[in-house]
Amino acid sequence: MSKTVEIGSTLGVVAVFVALLAVVGSVGFEKAGTVGAILVFILLSGVAGYIIADETYS
């Protein structure tokens, strides 16, 4: 996988995280929502990292 694709997927994960925070903030569940968004972010970045590594080294 090329560097451009890796950077693009990283930016995609960050964009999803920011969108989650924006939605959570507008709903009004800041504290619980932020924790949830962080957990989702960790999960997504872990999965994305695994997929990128798998594609890169296979």
N, C-alpha and C. Protein backbone atom coordinates (compact mmCIF):
# COMPACT_ATOMS: atom_id res chain seq x y z
N MET A 1 0.85 -1.19 0.00
CA MET A 1 0.00 0.00 0.00
C MET A 1 0.89 1.24 0.00
N SER A 2 0.51 2.24 -0.75
CA SER A 2 1.35 3.43 -0.86
C SER A 2 1.20 4.34 0.35
N LYS A 3 2.16 5.24 0.48
CA LYS A 3 2.11 6.22 1.58
C LYS A 3 0.85 7.08 1.49
N THR A 4 0.45 7.43 0.28
CA THR A 4 -0.74 8.28 0.10
C THR A 4 -1.97 7.60 0.66
N VAL A 5 -2.10 6.31 0.42
CA VAL A 5 -3.25 5.56 0.92
C VAL A 5 -3.21 5.49 2.44
N GLU A 6 -2.01 5.28 3.01
CA GLU A 6 -1.88 5.23 4.46
C GLU A 6 -2.26 6.57 5.09
N ILE A 7 -1.78 7.66 4.52
CA ILE A 7 -2.09 8.99 5.03
C ILE A 7 -3.59 9.26 4.88
N GLY A 8 -4.15 8.88 3.75
CA GLY A 8 -5.57 9.07 3.50
C GLY A 8 -6.43 8.31 4.49
N SER A 9 -6.06 7.07 4.79
CA SER A 9 -6.85 6.28 5.73
C SER A 9 -6.72 6.84 7.14
N THR A 10 -5.55 7.34 7.49
CA THR A 10 -5.36 7.96 8.80
C THR A 10 -6.22 9.21 8.92
N LEU A 11 -6.22 10.03 7.88
CA LEU A 11 -7.06 11.24 7.89
C LEU A 11 -8.53 10.87 7.95
N GLY A 12 -8.90 9.79 7.29
CA GLY A 12 -10.29 9.32 7.33
C GLY A 12 -10.71 8.96 8.74
N VAL A 13 -9.85 8.26 9.46
CA VAL A 13 -10.14 7.87 10.84
C VAL A 13 -10.26 9.11 11.72
N VAL A 14 -9.35 10.07 11.53
CA VAL A 14 -9.40 11.32 12.31
C VAL A 14 -10.68 12.08 12.00
N ALA A 15 -11.08 12.12 10.73
CA ALA A 15 -12.31 12.82 10.34
C ALA A 15 -13.53 12.18 11.00
N VAL A 16 -13.56 10.86 11.04
CA VAL A 16 -14.66 10.15 11.71
C VAL A 16 -14.69 10.51 13.18
N PHE A 17 -13.52 10.55 13.81
CA PHE A 17 -13.42 10.89 15.24
C PHE A 17 -13.95 12.30 15.50
N VAL A 18 -13.54 13.25 14.69
CA VAL A 18 -13.99 14.64 14.84
C VAL A 18 -15.50 14.72 14.63
N ALA A 19 -16.00 14.00 13.63
CA ALA A 19 -17.45 14.00 13.38
C ALA A 19 -18.20 13.41 14.57
N LEU A 20 -17.68 12.34 15.14
CA LEU A 20 -18.31 11.74 16.32
C LEU A 20 -18.36 12.74 17.47
N LEU A 21 -17.26 13.44 17.70
CA LEU A 21 -17.23 14.43 18.78
C LEU A 21 -18.24 15.55 18.52
N ALA A 22 -18.35 15.98 17.27
CA ALA A 22 -19.29 17.05 16.93
C ALA A 22 -20.73 16.60 17.18
N VAL A 23 -21.06 15.39 16.76
CA VAL A 23 -22.41 14.85 16.97
C VAL A 23 -22.70 14.72 18.46
N VAL A 24 -21.74 14.15 19.19
CA VAL A 24 -21.90 13.96 20.63
C VAL A 24 -22.08 15.30 21.34
N GLY A 25 -21.28 16.29 20.95
CA GLY A 25 -21.38 17.61 21.56
C GLY A 25 -22.73 18.26 21.31
N SER A 26 -23.27 18.07 20.11
CA SER A 26 -24.56 18.68 19.79
C SER A 26 -25.70 17.98 20.51
N VAL A 27 -25.55 16.71 20.80
CA VAL A 27 -26.59 15.96 21.50
C VAL A 27 -26.61 16.33 22.98
N GLY A 28 -25.43 16.58 23.55
CA GLY A 28 -25.37 17.02 24.94
C GLY A 28 -24.85 15.99 25.92
N PHE A 29 -24.36 14.88 25.42
CA PHE A 29 -23.80 13.85 26.30
C PHE A 29 -22.28 13.93 26.24
N GLU A 30 -21.74 15.09 26.55
CA GLU A 30 -20.31 15.32 26.34
C GLU A 30 -19.42 14.27 27.02
N LYS A 31 -19.63 14.07 28.32
CA LYS A 31 -18.69 13.22 29.06
C LYS A 31 -18.76 11.76 28.59
N ALA A 32 -19.94 11.16 28.65
CA ALA A 32 -20.09 9.76 28.23
C ALA A 32 -19.81 9.62 26.74
N GLY A 33 -20.26 10.60 25.96
CA GLY A 33 -20.06 10.55 24.52
C GLY A 33 -18.60 10.65 24.13
N THR A 34 -17.86 11.49 24.84
CA THR A 34 -16.44 11.64 24.55
C THR A 34 -15.70 10.35 24.84
N VAL A 35 -16.01 9.73 25.95
CA VAL A 35 -15.38 8.44 26.28
C VAL A 35 -15.72 7.41 25.21
N GLY A 36 -16.99 7.38 24.80
CA GLY A 36 -17.40 6.46 23.74
C GLY A 36 -16.68 6.73 22.43
N ALA A 37 -16.58 8.01 22.09
CA ALA A 37 -15.91 8.39 20.84
C ALA A 37 -14.43 8.00 20.87
N ILE A 38 -13.80 8.19 22.02
CA ILE A 38 -12.39 7.81 22.16
C ILE A 38 -12.22 6.30 22.00
N LEU A 39 -13.13 5.53 22.61
CA LEU A 39 -13.06 4.07 22.48
C LEU A 39 -13.26 3.65 21.02
N VAL A 40 -14.22 4.27 20.35
CA VAL A 40 -14.45 3.97 18.93
C VAL A 40 -13.22 4.34 18.11
N PHE A 41 -12.62 5.48 18.43
CA PHE A 41 -11.42 5.94 17.73
C PHE A 41 -10.28 4.93 17.88
N ILE A 42 -10.08 4.46 19.12
CA ILE A 42 -9.02 3.48 19.37
C ILE A 42 -9.28 2.20 18.58
N LEU A 43 -10.54 1.77 18.59
CA LEU A 43 -10.91 0.56 17.86
C LEU A 43 -10.67 0.74 16.36
N LEU A 44 -11.16 1.87 15.81
CA LEU A 44 -11.00 2.13 14.37
C LEU A 44 -9.53 2.24 13.98
N SER A 45 -8.74 2.96 14.79
CA SER A 45 -7.34 3.13 14.43
C SER A 45 -6.59 1.81 14.54
N GLY A 46 -6.97 0.98 15.51
CA GLY A 46 -6.35 -0.33 15.63
C GLY A 46 -6.66 -1.21 14.43
N VAL A 47 -7.92 -1.22 14.03
CA VAL A 47 -8.33 -2.01 12.86
C VAL A 47 -7.67 -1.48 11.60
N ALA A 48 -7.67 -0.16 11.43
CA ALA A 48 -7.05 0.45 10.25
C ALA A 48 -5.55 0.13 10.22
N GLY A 49 -4.90 0.23 11.37
CA GLY A 49 -3.47 -0.08 11.45
C GLY A 49 -3.19 -1.53 11.08
N TYR A 50 -4.04 -2.43 11.56
CA TYR A 50 -3.87 -3.85 11.25
C TYR A 50 -4.03 -4.10 9.76
N ILE A 51 -5.07 -3.49 9.16
CA ILE A 51 -5.33 -3.68 7.72
C ILE A 51 -4.17 -3.11 6.90
N ILE A 52 -3.70 -1.92 7.27
CA ILE A 52 -2.58 -1.30 6.55
C ILE A 52 -1.33 -2.18 6.65
N ALA A 53 -1.03 -2.66 7.86
CA ALA A 53 0.15 -3.51 8.05
C ALA A 53 0.01 -4.81 7.26
N ASP A 54 -1.18 -5.39 7.29
CA ASP A 54 -1.44 -6.63 6.58
C ASP A 54 -1.24 -6.44 5.08
N GLU A 55 -1.75 -5.34 4.54
CA GLU A 55 -1.61 -5.05 3.11
C GLU A 55 -0.16 -4.73 2.75
N THR A 56 0.53 -4.04 3.66
CA THR A 56 1.89 -3.60 3.38
C THR A 56 2.87 -4.77 3.37
N TYR A 57 2.71 -5.68 4.33
CA TYR A 57 3.72 -6.73 4.51
C TYR A 57 3.32 -8.09 3.96
N SER A 58 2.17 -8.18 3.31
CA SER A 58 1.77 -9.48 2.77
C SER A 58 2.17 -9.60 1.30
